[in-house]
Amino acid sequence: EVQLVESGGGMVQPGESLRLSCVASGFTFSEYDMSWIRQADGKGPEWVSSINSGGTSTNYTDAVKGRFTISRDNAKNTAYLQMNSLEPEDSAVYYCNVDDSWGQGTQVTVSS
């Protein structure tokens, strides 16, 4: 059974940083691309970023380019999302995703 457990969310002020983690189990982590998806209150899911299985290729939605960095540690079965220069518009529940599986999400709130 695929399990994805996110952590690292919280409440921060604009301009601050957070690092999200996603610990995966139940599948061969090093063989799968991983993604982060977010959903703000009252809105649909929004793809944020993806990383290929080897960690050599990354992609980002335009809204976070230059501010967010996705990475992974295949030895630890963990994916990360480093979020810098956070803006109120980044407030959402952030989910880790592989194929059709999602984690439970971690809340990120950016407010002054």
Protein backbone atom coordinates (compact mmCIF):
# COMPACT_ATOMS: atom_id res chain seq x y z
CA GLU A 1 0.00 0.00 0.00
CA VAL A 2 1.34 3.38 -1.02
CA GLN A 3 1.74 5.80 1.87
CA LEU A 4 2.82 9.42 1.62
CA VAL A 5 3.26 11.45 4.80
CA GLU A 6 3.81 15.18 4.49
CA SER A 7 5.18 17.45 7.18
CA GLY A 8 6.74 20.85 7.61
CA GLY A 9 3.79 23.14 7.11
CA GLY A 10 2.94 26.00 9.40
CA MET A 11 2.07 29.66 9.68
CA VAL A 12 4.69 32.17 8.56
CA GLN A 13 4.87 35.82 7.58
CA PRO A 14 5.34 36.98 3.98
CA GLY A 15 8.94 36.65 2.87
CA GLU A 16 9.74 33.78 5.20
CA SER A 17 10.59 30.19 4.28
CA LEU A 18 9.37 26.67 4.95
CA ARG A 19 10.62 23.24 3.91
CA LEU A 20 8.06 20.53 3.33
CA SER A 21 8.96 16.85 3.51
CA CYS A 22 7.18 13.80 2.12
CA VAL A 23 8.17 10.39 3.41
CA ALA A 24 7.07 7.61 1.07
CA SER A 25 6.55 3.90 1.59
CA GLY A 26 4.85 0.95 -0.09
CA PHE A 27 6.55 1.32 -3.47
CA THR A 28 10.04 1.58 -4.94
CA PHE A 29 10.51 5.31 -4.39
CA SER A 30 13.59 5.64 -6.60
CA GLU A 31 11.65 4.46 -9.65
CA TYR A 32 8.90 7.10 -9.60
CA ASP A 33 8.56 10.76 -10.42
CA MET A 34 7.16 12.76 -7.50
CA SER A 35 5.03 15.89 -7.44
CA TRP A 36 3.74 18.51 -5.07
CA ILE A 37 0.18 19.77 -5.52
CA ARG A 38 -1.58 22.44 -3.48
CA GLN A 39 -5.18 23.36 -2.86
CA ALA A 40 -6.23 26.71 -1.44
CA ASP A 41 -9.53 27.23 0.35
CA GLY A 42 -12.37 27.30 -2.14
CA LYS A 43 -10.17 26.47 -5.11
CA GLY A 44 -9.30 23.38 -7.09
CA PRO A 45 -5.99 21.53 -6.89
CA GLU A 46 -3.01 23.25 -8.47
CA TRP A 47 0.10 21.41 -9.60
CA VAL A 48 3.19 23.08 -8.08
CA SER A 49 6.27 21.08 -9.00
CA SER A 50 7.58 17.71 -10.13
CA ILE A 51 10.88 15.89 -10.01
CA ASN A 52 11.93 12.84 -12.00
CA SER A 53 12.90 9.57 -10.41
CA GLY A 54 16.62 10.29 -10.45
CA GLY A 55 16.28 13.86 -9.26
CA THR A 56 17.93 15.23 -12.39
CA SER A 57 14.95 17.05 -13.87
CA THR A 58 12.50 19.42 -12.19
CA ASN A 59 9.54 21.50 -13.28
CA TYR A 60 7.59 24.30 -11.62
CA THR A 61 4.43 26.22 -12.14
CA ASP A 62 5.18 29.81 -13.14
CA ALA A 63 3.84 31.19 -9.85
CA VAL A 64 6.63 29.58 -7.82
CA LYS A 65 9.58 29.60 -10.23
CA GLY A 66 12.64 31.11 -8.61
CA ARG A 67 11.16 30.78 -5.12
CA PHE A 68 10.49 27.05 -4.63
CA THR A 69 12.92 24.16 -5.05
CA ILE A 70 11.91 20.52 -5.25
CA SER A 71 14.40 17.81 -4.37
CA ARG A 72 14.55 14.21 -3.25
CA ASP A 73 16.71 11.80 -1.30
CA ASN A 74 16.16 8.32 -2.71
CA ALA A 75 18.15 6.76 0.13
CA LYS A 76 15.62 8.20 2.58
CA ASN A 77 12.51 7.70 0.42
CA THR A 78 11.80 11.38 0.92
CA ALA A 79 10.84 14.27 -1.31
CA TYR A 80 11.20 17.90 -0.29
CA LEU A 81 9.83 21.27 -1.26
CA GLN A 82 11.90 24.24 -0.15
CA MET A 83 9.70 27.33 -0.23
CA ASN A 84 11.35 30.74 -0.01
CA SER A 85 9.95 34.27 -0.22
CA LEU A 86 6.52 33.00 0.66
CA GLU A 87 3.52 35.09 -0.32
CA PRO A 88 -0.06 35.08 1.01
CA GLU A 89 -1.11 33.54 -2.32
CA ASP A 90 0.95 30.46 -1.43
CA SER A 91 -1.40 29.64 1.44
CA ALA A 92 -2.88 26.20 0.80
CA VAL A 93 -2.79 22.58 1.83
CA TYR A 94 0.22 21.02 0.14
CA TYR A 95 0.05 17.40 -0.96
CA CYS A 96 2.71 14.97 -2.06
CA ASN A 97 1.69 12.92 -5.10
CA VAL A 98 2.82 9.82 -6.95
CA ASP A 99 0.65 8.40 -9.72
CA ASP A 100 -2.90 8.38 -8.27
CA SER A 101 -1.83 8.48 -4.62
CA TRP A 102 -1.84 11.55 -2.39
CA GLY A 103 -0.77 12.12 1.17
CA GLN A 104 -2.93 13.69 3.86
CA GLY A 105 -1.49 17.13 3.20
CA THR A 106 0.20 19.78 5.30
CA GLN A 107 -1.22 23.27 5.81
CA VAL A 108 0.82 26.30 4.81
CA THR A 109 -0.48 29.69 5.87
CA VAL A 110 1.29 32.91 4.91
CA SER A 111 -0.08 35.94 6.70
CA SER A 112 1.10 39.11 8.34
